[in-house]
Amino acid sequence: MRDLMARLGIWGELMQFLWRRKLYWLVPMIILIGIFALLLILGSNPVTAPFLYPLF
């Protein structure tokens, strides 16, 4: 488990912190924020933007 967290870098450290502090309810929020950030990054690219418009 530690090897996996070491490979994930800062995301692994964040998950370890949340797990130790028993902040399980924050994990879905962080995942949704990550997905939203990914959509924003892909939507700003003119090549991938037309493929994202049908989703909304």
PDB file of N, CA and C in Angstrom:
ATOM      1  N   MET A   1       0.824  -1.198   0.000  1.00  0.00           N
ATOM      2  CA  MET A   1       0.000   0.000   0.000  1.00  0.00           C
ATOM      3  C   MET A   1       0.867   1.259   0.000  1.00  0.00           C
ATOM      4  N   ARG A   2       1.944   1.240   0.772  1.00  0.00           N
ATOM      5  CA  ARG A   2       2.829   2.406   0.821  1.00  0.00           C
ATOM      6  C   ARG A   2       3.501   2.643  -0.523  1.00  0.00           C
ATOM      7  N   ASP A   3       3.812   1.552  -1.250  1.00  0.00           N
ATOM      8  CA  ASP A   3       4.435   1.685  -2.559  1.00  0.00           C
ATOM      9  C   ASP A   3       3.492   2.394  -3.532  1.00  0.00           C
ATOM     10  N   LEU A   4       2.229   2.032  -3.482  1.00  0.00           N
ATOM     11  CA  LEU A   4       1.236   2.672  -4.338  1.00  0.00           C
ATOM     12  C   LEU A   4       1.119   4.153  -3.998  1.00  0.00           C
ATOM     13  N   MET A   5       1.052   4.485  -2.731  1.00  0.00           N
ATOM     14  CA  MET A   5       0.936   5.877  -2.317  1.00  0.00           C
ATOM     15  C   MET A   5       2.197   6.665  -2.686  1.00  0.00           C
ATOM     16  N   ALA A   6       3.352   6.015  -2.639  1.00  0.00           N
ATOM     17  CA  ALA A   6       4.588   6.696  -3.013  1.00  0.00           C
ATOM     18  C   ALA A   6       4.595   7.016  -4.499  1.00  0.00           C
ATOM     19  N   ARG A   7       4.012   6.156  -5.310  1.00  0.00           N
ATOM     20  CA  ARG A   7       3.948   6.402  -6.749  1.00  0.00           C
ATOM     21  C   ARG A   7       2.971   7.518  -7.100  1.00  0.00           C
ATOM     22  N   LEU A   8       1.954   7.689  -6.298  1.00  0.00           N
ATOM     23  CA  LEU A   8       0.950   8.711  -6.593  1.00  0.00           C
ATOM     24  C   LEU A   8       1.418  10.115  -6.233  1.00  0.00           C
ATOM     25  N   GLY A   9       2.500  10.227  -5.507  1.00  0.00           N
ATOM     26  CA  GLY A   9       3.059  11.541  -5.186  1.00  0.00           C
ATOM     27  C   GLY A   9       2.174  12.327  -4.243  1.00  0.00           C
ATOM     28  N   ILE A  10       1.891  13.558  -4.635  1.00  0.00           N
ATOM     29  CA  ILE A  10       1.125  14.449  -3.762  1.00  0.00           C
ATOM     30  C   ILE A  10      -0.302  13.942  -3.565  1.00  0.00           C
ATOM     31  N   TRP A  11      -0.870  13.280  -4.587  1.00  0.00           N
ATOM     32  CA  TRP A  11      -2.221  12.723  -4.434  1.00  0.00           C
ATOM     33  C   TRP A  11      -2.227  11.612  -3.397  1.00  0.00           C
ATOM     34  N   GLY A  12      -1.156  10.817  -3.382  1.00  0.00           N
ATOM     35  CA  GLY A  12      -1.039   9.765  -2.383  1.00  0.00           C
ATOM     36  C   GLY A  12      -0.911  10.326  -0.977  1.00  0.00           C
ATOM     37  N   GLU A  13      -0.132  11.383  -0.849  1.00  0.00           N
ATOM     38  CA  GLU A  13       0.012  12.029   0.462  1.00  0.00           C
ATOM     39  C   GLU A  13      -1.316  12.609   0.934  1.00  0.00           C
ATOM     40  N   LEU A  14      -2.058  13.201  -0.002  1.00  0.00           N
ATOM     41  CA  LEU A  14      -3.361  13.752   0.355  1.00  0.00           C
ATOM     42  C   LEU A  14      -4.308  12.653   0.817  1.00  0.00           C
ATOM     43  N   MET A  15      -4.319  11.530   0.110  1.00  0.00           N
ATOM     44  CA  MET A  15      -5.196  10.424   0.498  1.00  0.00           C
ATOM     45  C   MET A  15      -4.781   9.838   1.852  1.00  0.00           C
ATOM     46  N   GLN A  16      -3.475   9.725   2.094  1.00  0.00           N
ATOM     47  CA  GLN A  16      -3.014   9.247   3.401  1.00  0.00           C
ATOM     48  C   GLN A  16      -3.449  10.193   4.512  1.00  0.00           C
ATOM     49  N   PHE A  17      -3.328  11.501   4.279  1.00  0.00           N
ATOM     50  CA  PHE A  17      -3.740  12.491   5.269  1.00  0.00           C
ATOM     51  C   PHE A  17      -5.227  12.358   5.573  1.00  0.00           C
ATOM     52  N   LEU A  18      -6.039  12.268   4.516  1.00  0.00           N
ATOM     53  CA  LEU A  18      -7.481  12.161   4.717  1.00  0.00           C
ATOM     54  C   LEU A  18      -7.840  10.864   5.424  1.00  0.00           C
ATOM     55  N   TRP A  19      -7.139   9.785   5.094  1.00  0.00           N
ATOM     56  CA  TRP A  19      -7.432   8.484   5.702  1.00  0.00           C
ATOM     57  C   TRP A  19      -7.075   8.482   7.184  1.00  0.00           C
ATOM     58  N   ARG A  20      -5.916   9.071   7.522  1.00  0.00           N
ATOM     59  CA  ARG A  20      -5.500   9.104   8.929  1.00  0.00           C
ATOM     60  C   ARG A  20      -6.416   9.966   9.783  1.00  0.00           C
ATOM     61  N   ARG A  21      -6.866  11.070   9.228  1.00  0.00           N
ATOM     62  CA  ARG A  21      -7.734  11.988   9.968  1.00  0.00           C
ATOM     63  C   ARG A  21      -9.205  11.600   9.907  1.00  0.00           C
ATOM     64  N   LYS A  22      -9.482  10.490   9.226  1.00  0.00           N
ATOM     65  CA  LYS A  22     -10.847   9.967   9.066  1.00  0.00           C
ATOM     66  C   LYS A  22     -11.776  10.989   8.411  1.00  0.00           C
ATOM     67  N   LEU A  23     -11.264  11.628   7.365  1.00  0.00           N
ATOM     68  CA  LEU A  23     -12.045  12.589   6.591  1.00  0.00           C
ATOM     69  C   LEU A  23     -12.505  11.941   5.288  1.00  0.00           C
ATOM     70  N   TYR A  24     -13.164  10.795   5.408  1.00  0.00           N
ATOM     71  CA  TYR A  24     -13.582  10.028   4.243  1.00  0.00           C
ATOM     72  C   TYR A  24     -14.551  10.806   3.358  1.00  0.00           C
ATOM     73  N   TRP A  25     -15.338  11.674   3.939  1.00  0.00           N
ATOM     74  CA  TRP A  25     -16.348  12.407   3.198  1.00  0.00           C
ATOM     75  C   TRP A  25     -15.741  13.415   2.228  1.00  0.00           C
ATOM     76  N   LEU A  26     -14.469  13.748   2.390  1.00  0.00           N
ATOM     77  CA  LEU A  26     -13.819  14.683   1.476  1.00  0.00           C
ATOM     78  C   LEU A  26     -13.348  14.020   0.183  1.00  0.00           C
ATOM     79  N   VAL A  27     -13.183  12.717   0.186  1.00  0.00           N
ATOM     80  CA  VAL A  27     -12.656  12.022  -0.992  1.00  0.00           C
ATOM     81  C   VAL A  27     -13.552  12.219  -2.216  1.00  0.00           C
ATOM     82  N   PRO A  28     -14.879  12.026  -2.143  1.00  0.00           N
ATOM     83  CA  PRO A  28     -15.701  12.263  -3.337  1.00  0.00           C
ATOM     84  C   PRO A  28     -15.644  13.715  -3.823  1.00  0.00           C
ATOM     85  N   MET A  29     -15.541  14.660  -2.903  1.00  0.00           N
ATOM     86  CA  MET A  29     -15.447  16.063  -3.311  1.00  0.00           C
ATOM     87  C   MET A  29     -14.160  16.332  -4.077  1.00  0.00           C
ATOM     88  N   ILE A  30     -13.072  15.764  -3.615  1.00  0.00           N
ATOM     89  CA  ILE A  30     -11.786  15.968  -4.277  1.00  0.00           C
ATOM     90  C   ILE A  30     -11.799  15.313  -5.658  1.00  0.00           C
ATOM     91  N   ILE A  31     -12.419  14.152  -5.772  1.00  0.00           N
ATOM     92  CA  ILE A  31     -12.519  13.485  -7.071  1.00  0.00           C
ATOM     93  C   ILE A  31     -13.349  14.327  -8.037  1.00  0.00           C
ATOM     94  N   LEU A  32     -14.466  14.865  -7.581  1.00  0.00           N
ATOM     95  CA  LEU A  32     -15.301  15.701  -8.441  1.00  0.00           C
ATOM     96  C   LEU A  32     -14.588  16.985  -8.859  1.00  0.00           C
ATOM     97  N   ILE A  33     -13.836  17.576  -7.953  1.00  0.00           N
ATOM     98  CA  ILE A  33     -13.070  18.775  -8.301  1.00  0.00           C
ATOM     99  C   ILE A  33     -12.011  18.431  -9.349  1.00  0.00           C
ATOM    100  N   GLY A  34     -11.386  17.277  -9.213  1.00  0.00           N
ATOM    101  CA  GLY A  34     -10.395  16.838 -10.203  1.00  0.00           C
ATOM    102  C   GLY A  34     -11.017  16.613 -11.571  1.00  0.00           C
ATOM    103  N   ILE A  35     -12.200  15.987 -11.608  1.00  0.00           N
ATOM    104  CA  ILE A  35     -12.891  15.764 -12.883  1.00  0.00           C
ATOM    105  C   ILE A  35     -13.278  17.103 -13.508  1.00  0.00           C
ATOM    106  N   PHE A  36     -13.778  18.022 -12.696  1.00  0.00           N
ATOM    107  CA  PHE A  36     -14.154  19.336 -13.202  1.00  0.00           C
ATOM    108  C   PHE A  36     -12.938  20.076 -13.752  1.00  0.00           C
ATOM    109  N   ALA A  37     -11.812  19.999 -13.072  1.00  0.00           N
ATOM    110  CA  ALA A  37     -10.586  20.645 -13.543  1.00  0.00           C
ATOM    111  C   ALA A  37     -10.132  20.032 -14.867  1.00  0.00           C
ATOM    112  N   LEU A  38     -10.244  18.725 -14.981  1.00  0.00           N
ATOM    113  CA  LEU A  38      -9.872  18.055 -16.228  1.00  0.00           C
ATOM    114  C   LEU A  38     -10.768  18.507 -17.381  1.00  0.00           C
ATOM    115  N   LEU A  39     -12.072  18.628 -17.126  1.00  0.00           N
ATOM    116  CA  LEU A  39     -12.989  19.113 -18.161  1.00  0.00           C
ATOM    117  C   LEU A  39     -12.674  20.557 -18.562  1.00  0.00           C
ATOM    118  N   LEU A  40     -12.300  21.377 -17.603  1.00  0.00           N
ATOM    119  CA  LEU A  40     -11.930  22.757 -17.930  1.00  0.00           C
ATOM    120  C   LEU A  40     -10.675  22.811 -18.790  1.00  0.00           C
ATOM    121  N   ILE A  41      -9.709  21.988 -18.461  1.00  0.00           N
ATOM    122  CA  ILE A  41      -8.468  21.971 -19.231  1.00  0.00           C
ATOM    123  C   ILE A  41      -8.723  21.459 -20.643  1.00  0.00           C
ATOM    124  N   LEU A  42      -9.494  20.378 -20.752  1.00  0.00           N
ATOM    125  CA  LEU A  42      -9.786  19.833 -22.076  1.00  0.00           C
ATOM    126  C   LEU A  42     -10.685  20.769 -22.881  1.00  0.00           C
ATOM    127  N   GLY A  43     -11.588  21.473 -22.221  1.00  0.00           N
ATOM    128  CA  GLY A  43     -12.483  22.393 -22.905  1.00  0.00           C
ATOM    129  C   GLY A  43     -11.789  23.633 -23.414  1.00  0.00           C
ATOM    130  N   SER A  44     -10.680  24.000 -22.826  1.00  0.00           N
ATOM    131  CA  SER A  44      -9.955  25.179 -23.282  1.00  0.00           C
ATOM    132  C   SER A  44      -9.094  24.885 -24.509  1.00  0.00           C
ATOM    133  N   ASN A  45      -8.869  23.624 -24.784  1.00  0.00           N
ATOM    134  CA  ASN A  45      -8.104  23.210 -25.957  1.00  0.00           C
ATOM    135  C   ASN A  45      -9.047  23.206 -27.166  1.00  0.00           C
ATOM    136  N   PRO A  46      -8.733  23.947 -28.221  1.00  0.00           N
ATOM    137  CA  PRO A  46      -9.650  24.026 -29.367  1.00  0.00           C
ATOM    138  C   PRO A  46      -9.853  22.698 -30.098  1.00  0.00           C
ATOM    139  N   VAL A  47      -8.935  21.767 -29.953  1.00  0.00           N
ATOM    140  CA  VAL A  47      -9.073  20.481 -30.634  1.00  0.00           C
ATOM    141  C   VAL A  47     -10.085  19.591 -29.920  1.00  0.00           C
ATOM    142  N   THR A  48     -10.063  19.573 -28.606  1.00  0.00           N
ATOM    143  CA  THR A  48     -10.953  18.682 -27.851  1.00  0.00           C
ATOM    144  C   THR A  48     -12.270  19.332 -27.447  1.00  0.00           C
ATOM    145  N   ALA A  49     -12.368  20.645 -27.552  1.00  0.00           N
ATOM    146  CA  ALA A  49     -13.578  21.342 -27.119  1.00  0.00           C
ATOM    147  C   ALA A  49     -14.848  20.863 -27.839  1.00  0.00           C
ATOM    148  N   PRO A  50     -14.850  20.660 -29.159  1.00  0.00           N
ATOM    149  CA  PRO A  50     -16.089  20.204 -29.816  1.00  0.00           C
ATOM    150  C   PRO A  50     -16.591  18.851 -29.313  1.00  0.00           C
ATOM    151  N   PHE A  51     -15.705  18.027 -28.801  1.00  0.00           N
ATOM    152  CA  PHE A  51     -16.131  16.720 -28.289  1.00  0.00           C
ATOM    153  C   PHE A  51     -16.765  16.827 -26.902  1.00  0.00           C
ATOM    154  N   LEU A  52     -16.461  17.909 -26.185  1.00  0.00           N
ATOM    155  CA  LEU A  52     -17.012  18.081 -24.844  1.00  0.00           C
ATOM    156  C   LEU A  52     -18.365  18.787 -24.860  1.00  0.00           C
ATOM    157  N   TYR A  53     -18.650  19.582 -25.889  1.00  0.00           N
ATOM    158  CA  TYR A  53     -19.916  20.320 -25.944  1.00  0.00           C
ATOM    159  C   TYR A  53     -21.144  19.411 -25.885  1.00  0.00           C
ATOM    160  N   PRO A  54     -21.171  18.259 -26.536  1.00  0.00           N
ATOM    161  CA  PRO A  54     -22.366  17.398 -26.427  1.00  0.00           C
ATOM    162  C   PRO A  54     -22.632  16.889 -25.024  1.00  0.00           C
ATOM    163  N   LEU A  55     -21.630  16.884 -24.150  1.00  0.00           N
ATOM    164  CA  LEU A  55     -21.837  16.422 -22.772  1.00  0.00           C
ATOM    165  C   LEU A  55     -22.719  17.378 -21.997  1.00  0.00           C
ATOM    166  N   PHE A  56     -22.743  18.637 -22.395  1.00  0.00           N
ATOM    167  CA  PHE A  56     -23.506  19.634 -21.666  1.00  0.00           C
ATOM    168  C   PHE A  56     -24.675  20.074 -22.492  1.00  0.00           C
TER     169      PHE A  56
END
